[in-house]
């Protein structure tokens, strides 16, 4: 039995939020580690801010995509639906 579209949408959104949470946790742990390495190895030269900043931009866009429902999400859903229809026609 196939799940209802609303259930699939809710499940997908929960998975996206969990994915963002994992991404955020890894970001925090890795960047704390980098900051500690930076402070212990070369405290006079601060380089750990660069990965923090660069990865932070990626994390920001990930969060915006998850929590603001970017307009591209509807476009992606249409493409997925189109591919599913093509697959169904091949099976018939």
PDB file of N, CA and C in Angstrom:
ATOM      1  N   UNK A   1       0.852  -1.188   0.000  1.00  0.00           N
ATOM      2  CA  UNK A   1       0.000   0.000   0.000  1.00  0.00           C
ATOM      3  C   UNK A   1       0.891   1.243   0.000  1.00  0.00           C
ATOM      4  N   UNK A   2       0.570   2.178  -0.858  1.00  0.00           N
ATOM      5  CA  UNK A   2       1.355   3.394  -0.991  1.00  0.00           C
ATOM      6  C   UNK A   2       0.882   4.433   0.017  1.00  0.00           C
ATOM      7  N   UNK A   3       1.823   5.113   0.627  1.00  0.00           N
ATOM      8  CA  UNK A   3       1.496   6.131   1.623  1.00  0.00           C
ATOM      9  C   UNK A   3       0.860   7.344   0.937  1.00  0.00           C
ATOM     10  N   UNK A   4       0.060   8.074   1.680  1.00  0.00           N
ATOM     11  CA  UNK A   4      -0.596   9.255   1.126  1.00  0.00           C
ATOM     12  C   UNK A   4       0.444  10.338   0.827  1.00  0.00           C
ATOM     13  N   UNK A   5       0.119  11.227  -0.121  1.00  0.00           N
ATOM     14  CA  UNK A   5       1.058  12.317  -0.437  1.00  0.00           C
ATOM     15  C   UNK A   5       1.383  13.198   0.764  1.00  0.00           C
ATOM     16  N   UNK A   6       0.407  13.456   1.627  1.00  0.00           N
ATOM     17  CA  UNK A   6       0.677  14.307   2.785  1.00  0.00           C
ATOM     18  C   UNK A   6       1.632  13.609   3.760  1.00  0.00           C
ATOM     19  N   UNK A   7       1.478  12.290   3.903  1.00  0.00           N
ATOM     20  CA  UNK A   7       2.408  11.542   4.760  1.00  0.00           C
ATOM     21  C   UNK A   7       3.809  11.575   4.174  1.00  0.00           C
ATOM     22  N   UNK A   8       3.918  11.362   2.866  1.00  0.00           N
ATOM     23  CA  UNK A   8       5.232  11.390   2.208  1.00  0.00           C
ATOM     24  C   UNK A   8       5.882  12.762   2.357  1.00  0.00           C
ATOM     25  N   UNK A   9       5.090  13.820   2.186  1.00  0.00           N
ATOM     26  CA  UNK A   9       5.626  15.180   2.335  1.00  0.00           C
ATOM     27  C   UNK A   9       6.100  15.430   3.765  1.00  0.00           C
ATOM     28  N   UNK A  10       5.300  15.009   4.747  1.00  0.00           N
ATOM     29  CA  UNK A  10       5.676  15.204   6.148  1.00  0.00           C
ATOM     30  C   UNK A  10       6.931  14.402   6.476  1.00  0.00           C
ATOM     31  N   UNK A  11       6.995  13.180   5.993  1.00  0.00           N
ATOM     32  CA  UNK A  11       8.173  12.342   6.234  1.00  0.00           C
ATOM     33  C   UNK A  11       9.418  12.962   5.600  1.00  0.00           C
ATOM     34  N   UNK A  12       9.272  13.447   4.386  1.00  0.00           N
ATOM     35  CA  UNK A  12      10.403  14.079   3.693  1.00  0.00           C
ATOM     36  C   UNK A  12      10.876  15.309   4.455  1.00  0.00           C
ATOM     37  N   UNK A  13       9.949  16.105   4.959  1.00  0.00           N
ATOM     38  CA  UNK A  13      10.335  17.311   5.705  1.00  0.00           C
ATOM     39  C   UNK A  13      11.039  16.946   7.010  1.00  0.00           C
ATOM     40  N   UNK A  14      10.553  15.909   7.687  1.00  0.00           N
ATOM     41  CA  UNK A  14      11.209  15.464   8.916  1.00  0.00           C
ATOM     42  C   UNK A  14      12.624  14.976   8.595  1.00  0.00           C
ATOM     43  N   UNK A  15      12.779  14.239   7.510  1.00  0.00           N
ATOM     44  CA  UNK A  15      14.105  13.763   7.118  1.00  0.00           C
ATOM     45  C   UNK A  15      15.033  14.931   6.778  1.00  0.00           C
ATOM     46  N   UNK A  16      14.493  15.953   6.138  1.00  0.00           N
ATOM     47  CA  UNK A  16      15.302  17.137   5.825  1.00  0.00           C
ATOM     48  C   UNK A  16      15.736  17.849   7.096  1.00  0.00           C
ATOM     49  N   UNK A  17      14.832  17.962   8.067  1.00  0.00           N
ATOM     50  CA  UNK A  17      15.179  18.612   9.332  1.00  0.00           C
ATOM     51  C   UNK A  17      16.219  17.798  10.093  1.00  0.00           C
ATOM     52  N   UNK A  18      16.062  16.481  10.098  1.00  0.00           N
ATOM     53  CA  UNK A  18      17.060  15.634  10.750  1.00  0.00           C
ATOM     54  C   UNK A  18      18.407  15.757  10.045  1.00  0.00           C
ATOM     55  N   UNK A  19      18.390  15.802   8.731  1.00  0.00           N
ATOM     56  CA  UNK A  19      19.627  15.977   7.972  1.00  0.00           C
ATOM     57  C   UNK A  19      20.316  17.280   8.322  1.00  0.00           C
ATOM     58  N   UNK A  20      19.534  18.335   8.463  1.00  0.00           N
ATOM     59  CA  UNK A  20      20.111  19.623   8.859  1.00  0.00           C
ATOM     60  C   UNK A  20      20.680  19.549  10.275  1.00  0.00           C
ATOM     61  N   UNK A  21      19.960  18.891  11.174  1.00  0.00           N
ATOM     62  CA  UNK A  21      20.449  18.755  12.549  1.00  0.00           C
ATOM     63  C   UNK A  21      21.772  18.007  12.608  1.00  0.00           C
ATOM     64  N   UNK A  22      21.899  16.950  11.828  1.00  0.00           N
ATOM     65  CA  UNK A  22      23.153  16.200  11.762  1.00  0.00           C
ATOM     66  C   UNK A  22      24.255  17.084  11.189  1.00  0.00           C
ATOM     67  N   UNK A  23      23.938  17.810  10.120  1.00  0.00           N
ATOM     68  CA  UNK A  23      24.904  18.713   9.500  1.00  0.00           C
ATOM     69  C   UNK A  23      25.383  19.752  10.519  1.00  0.00           C
ATOM     70  N   UNK A  24      24.454  20.313  11.269  1.00  0.00           N
ATOM     71  CA  UNK A  24      24.800  21.314  12.287  1.00  0.00           C
ATOM     72  C   UNK A  24      25.690  20.720  13.376  1.00  0.00           C
ATOM     73  N   UNK A  25      25.348  19.512  13.836  1.00  0.00           N
ATOM     74  CA  UNK A  25      26.137  18.873  14.896  1.00  0.00           C
ATOM     75  C   UNK A  25      27.564  18.590  14.418  1.00  0.00           C
ATOM     76  N   UNK A  26      27.694  18.078  13.195  1.00  0.00           N
ATOM     77  CA  UNK A  26      29.029  17.801  12.654  1.00  0.00           C
ATOM     78  C   UNK A  26      29.805  19.101  12.498  1.00  0.00           C
ATOM     79  N   UNK A  27      29.135  20.146  12.042  1.00  0.00           N
ATOM     80  CA  UNK A  27      29.761  21.467  11.885  1.00  0.00           C
ATOM     81  C   UNK A  27      30.335  21.951  13.218  1.00  0.00           C
ATOM     82  N   UNK A  28      29.537  21.852  14.267  1.00  0.00           N
ATOM     83  CA  UNK A  28      29.967  22.330  15.586  1.00  0.00           C
ATOM     84  C   UNK A  28      31.146  21.503  16.098  1.00  0.00           C
ATOM     85  N   UNK A  29      31.035  20.184  16.038  1.00  0.00           N
ATOM     86  CA  UNK A  29      32.095  19.319  16.567  1.00  0.00           C
ATOM     87  C   UNK A  29      33.401  19.510  15.796  1.00  0.00           C
ATOM     88  N   UNK A  30      33.329  19.486  14.481  1.00  0.00           N
ATOM     89  CA  UNK A  30      34.537  19.619  13.666  1.00  0.00           C
ATOM     90  C   UNK A  30      35.179  20.988  13.873  1.00  0.00           C
ATOM     91  N   UNK A  31      34.380  22.033  13.914  1.00  0.00           N
ATOM     92  CA  UNK A  31      34.966  23.366  14.058  1.00  0.00           C
ATOM     93  C   UNK A  31      35.512  23.626  15.453  1.00  0.00           C
ATOM     94  N   UNK A  32      34.940  23.014  16.469  1.00  0.00           N
ATOM     95  CA  UNK A  32      35.548  23.092  17.802  1.00  0.00           C
ATOM     96  C   UNK A  32      36.897  22.393  17.773  1.00  0.00           C
ATOM     97  N   UNK A  33      36.941  21.228  17.127  1.00  0.00           N
ATOM     98  CA  UNK A  33      38.210  20.517  16.998  1.00  0.00           C
ATOM     99  C   UNK A  33      39.247  21.328  16.252  1.00  0.00           C
ATOM    100  N   UNK A  34      38.846  21.942  15.157  1.00  0.00           N
ATOM    101  CA  UNK A  34      39.778  22.777  14.394  1.00  0.00           C
ATOM    102  C   UNK A  34      40.264  23.969  15.210  1.00  0.00           C
ATOM    103  N   UNK A  35      39.367  24.568  15.966  1.00  0.00           N
ATOM    104  CA  UNK A  35      39.757  25.712  16.797  1.00  0.00           C
ATOM    105  C   UNK A  35      40.756  25.283  17.874  1.00  0.00           C
ATOM    106  N   UNK A  36      40.540  24.119  18.471  1.00  0.00           N
ATOM    107  CA  UNK A  36      41.468  23.619  19.477  1.00  0.00           C
ATOM    108  C   UNK A  36      42.832  23.324  18.858  1.00  0.00           C
ATOM    109  N   UNK A  37      42.831  22.692  17.689  1.00  0.00           N
ATOM    110  CA  UNK A  37      44.092  22.424  16.996  1.00  0.00           C
ATOM    111  C   UNK A  37      44.793  23.736  16.673  1.00  0.00           C
ATOM    112  N   UNK A  38      44.052  24.696  16.190  1.00  0.00           N
ATOM    113  CA  UNK A  38      44.615  26.006  15.869  1.00  0.00           C
ATOM    114  C   UNK A  38      45.248  26.656  17.099  1.00  0.00           C
ATOM    115  N   UNK A  39      44.537  26.634  18.214  1.00  0.00           N
ATOM    116  CA  UNK A  39      45.039  27.283  19.430  1.00  0.00           C
ATOM    117  C   UNK A  39      46.256  26.564  20.003  1.00  0.00           C
ATOM    118  N   UNK A  40      46.303  25.234  19.839  1.00  0.00           N
ATOM    119  CA  UNK A  40      47.441  24.492  20.389  1.00  0.00           C
ATOM    120  C   UNK A  40      48.646  24.531  19.456  1.00  0.00           C
ATOM    121  N   UNK A  41      48.425  24.471  18.166  1.00  0.00           N
ATOM    122  CA  UNK A  41      49.536  24.381  17.217  1.00  0.00           C
ATOM    123  C   UNK A  41      50.117  25.748  16.855  1.00  0.00           C
ATOM    124  N   UNK A  42      49.256  26.694  16.595  1.00  0.00           N
ATOM    125  CA  UNK A  42      49.752  28.019  16.195  1.00  0.00           C
ATOM    126  C   UNK A  42      48.818  29.118  16.701  1.00  0.00           C
ATOM    127  N   UNK A  43      48.889  29.407  17.993  1.00  0.00           N
ATOM    128  CA  UNK A  43      47.976  30.401  18.566  1.00  0.00           C
ATOM    129  C   UNK A  43      48.194  31.823  18.044  1.00  0.00           C
ATOM    130  N   UNK A  44      49.361  32.082  17.506  1.00  0.00           N
ATOM    131  CA  UNK A  44      49.648  33.423  16.993  1.00  0.00           C
ATOM    132  C   UNK A  44      49.039  33.667  15.610  1.00  0.00           C
ATOM    133  N   UNK A  45      48.657  32.594  14.925  1.00  0.00           N
ATOM    134  CA  UNK A  45      48.056  32.730  13.596  1.00  0.00           C
ATOM    135  C   UNK A  45      46.694  32.021  13.599  1.00  0.00           C
ATOM    136  N   UNK A  46      45.627  32.798  13.496  1.00  0.00           N
ATOM    137  CA  UNK A  46      44.276  32.238  13.550  1.00  0.00           C
ATOM    138  C   UNK A  46      43.817  31.885  12.134  1.00  0.00           C
ATOM    139  N   UNK A  47      43.759  30.575  11.862  1.00  0.00           N
ATOM    140  CA  UNK A  47      43.313  30.114  10.547  1.00  0.00           C
ATOM    141  C   UNK A  47      41.979  29.367  10.625  1.00  0.00           C
ATOM    142  N   UNK A  48      41.559  28.992  11.819  1.00  0.00           N
ATOM    143  CA  UNK A  48      40.355  28.170  11.972  1.00  0.00           C
ATOM    144  C   UNK A  48      39.076  28.921  11.615  1.00  0.00           C
ATOM    145  N   UNK A  49      39.155  30.241  11.499  1.00  0.00           N
ATOM    146  CA  UNK A  49      37.945  30.983  11.141  1.00  0.00           C
ATOM    147  C   UNK A  49      37.555  30.754   9.683  1.00  0.00           C
ATOM    148  N   UNK A  50      38.515  30.417   8.824  1.00  0.00           N
ATOM    149  CA  UNK A  50      38.202  30.255   7.403  1.00  0.00           C
ATOM    150  C   UNK A  50      37.306  29.053   7.134  1.00  0.00           C
ATOM    151  N   UNK A  51      37.621  27.854   7.661  1.00  0.00           N
ATOM    152  CA  UNK A  51      36.667  26.753   7.461  1.00  0.00           C
ATOM    153  C   UNK A  51      35.335  27.023   8.176  1.00  0.00           C
ATOM    154  N   UNK A  52      35.413  27.686   9.330  1.00  0.00           N
ATOM    155  CA  UNK A  52      34.194  28.039  10.060  1.00  0.00           C
ATOM    156  C   UNK A  52      33.293  28.915   9.191  1.00  0.00           C
ATOM    157  N   UNK A  53      33.886  29.902   8.558  1.00  0.00           N
ATOM    158  CA  UNK A  53      33.141  30.828   7.708  1.00  0.00           C
ATOM    159  C   UNK A  53      32.630  30.136   6.438  1.00  0.00           C
ATOM    160  N   UNK A  54      33.516  29.432   5.739  1.00  0.00           N
ATOM    161  CA  UNK A  54      33.125  28.789   4.481  1.00  0.00           C
ATOM    162  C   UNK A  54      32.049  27.740   4.674  1.00  0.00           C
ATOM    163  N   UNK A  55      32.249  26.860   5.629  1.00  0.00           N
ATOM    164  CA  UNK A  55      31.271  25.814   5.908  1.00  0.00           C
ATOM    165  C   UNK A  55      29.990  26.429   6.459  1.00  0.00           C
ATOM    166  N   UNK A  56      30.129  27.521   7.215  1.00  0.00           N
ATOM    167  CA  UNK A  56      28.962  28.214   7.760  1.00  0.00           C
ATOM    168  C   UNK A  56      28.039  28.732   6.669  1.00  0.00           C
ATOM    169  N   UNK A  57      28.631  29.185   5.560  1.00  0.00           N
ATOM    170  CA  UNK A  57      27.809  29.632   4.429  1.00  0.00           C
ATOM    171  C   UNK A  57      26.997  28.459   3.880  1.00  0.00           C
ATOM    172  N   UNK A  58      27.652  27.324   3.715  1.00  0.00           N
ATOM    173  CA  UNK A  58      26.939  26.133   3.246  1.00  0.00           C
ATOM    174  C   UNK A  58      25.845  25.717   4.204  1.00  0.00           C
ATOM    175  N   UNK A  59      26.141  25.767   5.492  1.00  0.00           N
ATOM    176  CA  UNK A  59      25.156  25.416   6.508  1.00  0.00           C
ATOM    177  C   UNK A  59      23.977  26.385   6.490  1.00  0.00           C
ATOM    178  N   UNK A  60      24.265  27.660   6.288  1.00  0.00           N
ATOM    179  CA  UNK A  60      23.200  28.659   6.189  1.00  0.00           C
ATOM    180  C   UNK A  60      22.244  28.333   5.043  1.00  0.00           C
ATOM    181  N   UNK A  61      22.807  28.039   3.875  1.00  0.00           N
ATOM    182  CA  UNK A  61      21.947  27.725   2.736  1.00  0.00           C
ATOM    183  C   UNK A  61      21.199  26.409   2.928  1.00  0.00           C
ATOM    184  N   UNK A  62      21.825  25.452   3.588  1.00  0.00           N
ATOM    185  CA  UNK A  62      21.131  24.208   3.907  1.00  0.00           C
ATOM    186  C   UNK A  62      19.923  24.508   4.797  1.00  0.00           C
ATOM    187  N   UNK A  63      20.137  25.317   5.829  1.00  0.00           N
ATOM    188  CA  UNK A  63      19.040  25.685   6.726  1.00  0.00           C
ATOM    189  C   UNK A  63      17.940  26.462   6.028  1.00  0.00           C
ATOM    190  N   UNK A  64      18.331  27.379   5.157  1.00  0.00           N
ATOM    191  CA  UNK A  64      17.315  28.138   4.410  1.00  0.00           C
ATOM    192  C   UNK A  64      16.491  27.213   3.527  1.00  0.00           C
ATOM    193  N   UNK A  65      17.151  26.257   2.893  1.00  0.00           N
ATOM    194  CA  UNK A  65      16.439  25.307   2.042  1.00  0.00           C
ATOM    195  C   UNK A  65      15.482  24.433   2.824  1.00  0.00           C
ATOM    196  N   UNK A  66      15.852  24.090   4.049  1.00  0.00           N
ATOM    197  CA  UNK A  66      15.006  23.214   4.861  1.00  0.00           C
ATOM    198  C   UNK A  66      13.855  23.980   5.497  1.00  0.00           C
ATOM    199  N   UNK A  67      14.157  25.136   6.072  1.00  0.00           N
ATOM    200  CA  UNK A  67      13.158  25.815   6.882  1.00  0.00           C
ATOM    201  C   UNK A  67      12.361  26.898   6.154  1.00  0.00           C
ATOM    202  N   UNK A  68      12.821  27.361   5.025  1.00  0.00           N
ATOM    203  CA  UNK A  68      12.074  28.386   4.295  1.00  0.00           C
ATOM    204  C   UNK A  68      11.370  27.843   3.067  1.00  0.00           C
ATOM    205  N   UNK A  69      11.489  26.563   2.825  1.00  0.00           N
ATOM    206  CA  UNK A  69      10.848  25.943   1.660  1.00  0.00           C
ATOM    207  C   UNK A  69      11.135  26.752   0.406  1.00  0.00           C
ATOM    208  N   UNK A  70      12.375  26.727   0.007  1.00  0.00           N
ATOM    209  CA  UNK A  70      12.825  27.486  -1.161  1.00  0.00           C
ATOM    210  C   UNK A  70      11.968  27.178  -2.376  1.00  0.00           C
ATOM    211  N   UNK A  71      11.789  28.148  -3.276  1.00  0.00           N
ATOM    212  CA  UNK A  71      10.957  27.934  -4.451  1.00  0.00           C
ATOM    213  C   UNK A  71      11.437  26.765  -5.301  1.00  0.00           C
ATOM    214  N   UNK A  72      12.703  26.450  -5.237  1.00  0.00           N
ATOM    215  CA  UNK A  72      13.233  25.329  -6.000  1.00  0.00           C
ATOM    216  C   UNK A  72      12.665  23.995  -5.557  1.00  0.00           C
ATOM    217  N   UNK A  73      12.142  23.932  -4.336  1.00  0.00           N
ATOM    218  CA  UNK A  73      11.611  22.678  -3.820  1.00  0.00           C
ATOM    219  C   UNK A  73      10.408  22.216  -4.639  1.00  0.00           C
ATOM    220  N   UNK A  74       9.525  23.124  -5.034  1.00  0.00           N
ATOM    221  CA  UNK A  74       8.374  22.748  -5.858  1.00  0.00           C
ATOM    222  C   UNK A  74       8.840  22.279  -7.227  1.00  0.00           C
ATOM    223  N   UNK A  75       9.836  22.915  -7.770  1.00  0.00           N
ATOM    224  CA  UNK A  75      10.390  22.526  -9.056  1.00  0.00           C
ATOM    225  C   UNK A  75      10.981  21.123  -8.967  1.00  0.00           C
ATOM    226  N   UNK A  76      11.680  20.848  -7.883  1.00  0.00           N
ATOM    227  CA  UNK A  76      12.266  19.530  -7.679  1.00  0.00           C
ATOM    228  C   UNK A  76      11.175  18.470  -7.564  1.00  0.00           C
ATOM    229  N   UNK A  77      10.101  18.798  -6.842  1.00  0.00           N
ATOM    230  CA  UNK A  77       8.989  17.851  -6.708  1.00  0.00           C
ATOM    231  C   UNK A  77       8.361  17.534  -8.065  1.00  0.00           C
ATOM    232  N   UNK A  78       8.223  18.548  -8.915  1.00  0.00           N
ATOM    233  CA  UNK A  78       7.664  18.300 -10.250  1.00  0.00           C
ATOM    234  C   UNK A  78       8.572  17.381 -11.059  1.00  0.00           C
ATOM    235  N   UNK A  79       9.868  17.585 -10.950  1.00  0.00           N
ATOM    236  CA  UNK A  79      10.807  16.711 -11.661  1.00  0.00           C
ATOM    237  C   UNK A  79      10.734  15.270 -11.147  1.00  0.00           C
ATOM    238  N   UNK A  80      10.627  15.113  -9.844  1.00  0.00           N
ATOM    239  CA  UNK A  80      10.513  13.772  -9.267  1.00  0.00           C
ATOM    240  C   UNK A  80       9.236  13.109  -9.748  1.00  0.00           C
ATOM    241  N   UNK A  81       8.145  13.847  -9.730  1.00  0.00           N
ATOM    242  CA  UNK A  81       6.856  13.304 -10.197  1.00  0.00           C
ATOM    243  C   UNK A  81       6.938  12.903 -11.667  1.00  0.00           C
ATOM    244  N   UNK A  82       7.591  13.722 -12.468  1.00  0.00           N
ATOM    245  CA  UNK A  82       7.764  13.428 -13.889  1.00  0.00           C
ATOM    246  C   UNK A  82       8.551  12.123 -14.070  1.00  0.00           C
ATOM    247  N   UNK A  83       9.640  11.971 -13.321  1.00  0.00           N
ATOM    248  CA  UNK A  83      10.453  10.757 -13.423  1.00  0.00           C
ATOM    249  C   UNK A  83       9.674   9.534 -12.947  1.00  0.00           C
ATOM    250  N   UNK A  84       8.870   9.688 -11.905  1.00  0.00           N
ATOM    251  CA  UNK A  84       8.063   8.570 -11.421  1.00  0.00           C
ATOM    252  C   UNK A  84       7.037   8.152 -12.472  1.00  0.00           C
ATOM    253  N   UNK A  85       6.438   9.130 -13.137  1.00  0.00           N
ATOM    254  CA  UNK A  85       5.468   8.808 -14.192  1.00  0.00           C
ATOM    255  C   UNK A  85       6.140   8.086 -15.343  1.00  0.00           C
ATOM    256  N   UNK A  86       7.342   8.512 -15.725  1.00  0.00           N
ATOM    257  CA  UNK A  86       8.087   7.827 -16.796  1.00  0.00           C
ATOM    258  C   UNK A  86       8.375   6.382 -16.395  1.00  0.00           C
ATOM    259  N   UNK A  87       8.748   6.201 -15.148  1.00  0.00           N
ATOM    260  CA  UNK A  87       9.061   4.865 -14.668  1.00  0.00           C
ATOM    261  C   UNK A  87       7.801   3.977 -14.674  1.00  0.00           C
ATOM    262  N   UNK A  88       6.678   4.520 -14.255  1.00  0.00           N
ATOM    263  CA  UNK A  88       5.422   3.755 -14.258  1.00  0.00           C
ATOM    264  C   UNK A  88       5.027   3.334 -15.676  1.00  0.00           C
ATOM    265  N   UNK A  89       5.195   4.276 -16.641  1.00  0.00           N
ATOM    266  CA  UNK A  89       4.836   3.949 -18.037  1.00  0.00           C
ATOM    267  C   UNK A  89       5.704   2.824 -18.572  1.00  0.00           C
ATOM    268  N   UNK A  90       6.988   2.806 -18.193  1.00  0.00           N
ATOM    269  CA  UNK A  90       7.863   1.730 -18.658  1.00  0.00           C
ATOM    270  C   UNK A  90       7.444   0.391 -18.092  1.00  0.00           C
ATOM    271  N   UNK A  91       6.897   0.383 -16.882  1.00  0.00           N
ATOM    272  CA  UNK A  91       6.494  -0.862 -16.250  1.00  0.00           C
ATOM    273  C   UNK A  91       5.169  -1.391 -16.809  1.00  0.00           C
ATOM    274  N   UNK A  92       4.387  -0.537 -17.418  1.00  0.00           N
ATOM    275  CA  UNK A  92       3.066  -0.955 -17.935  1.00  0.00           C
ATOM    276  C   UNK A  92       3.192  -1.701 -19.235  1.00  0.00           C
TER     277      UNK A  92
END
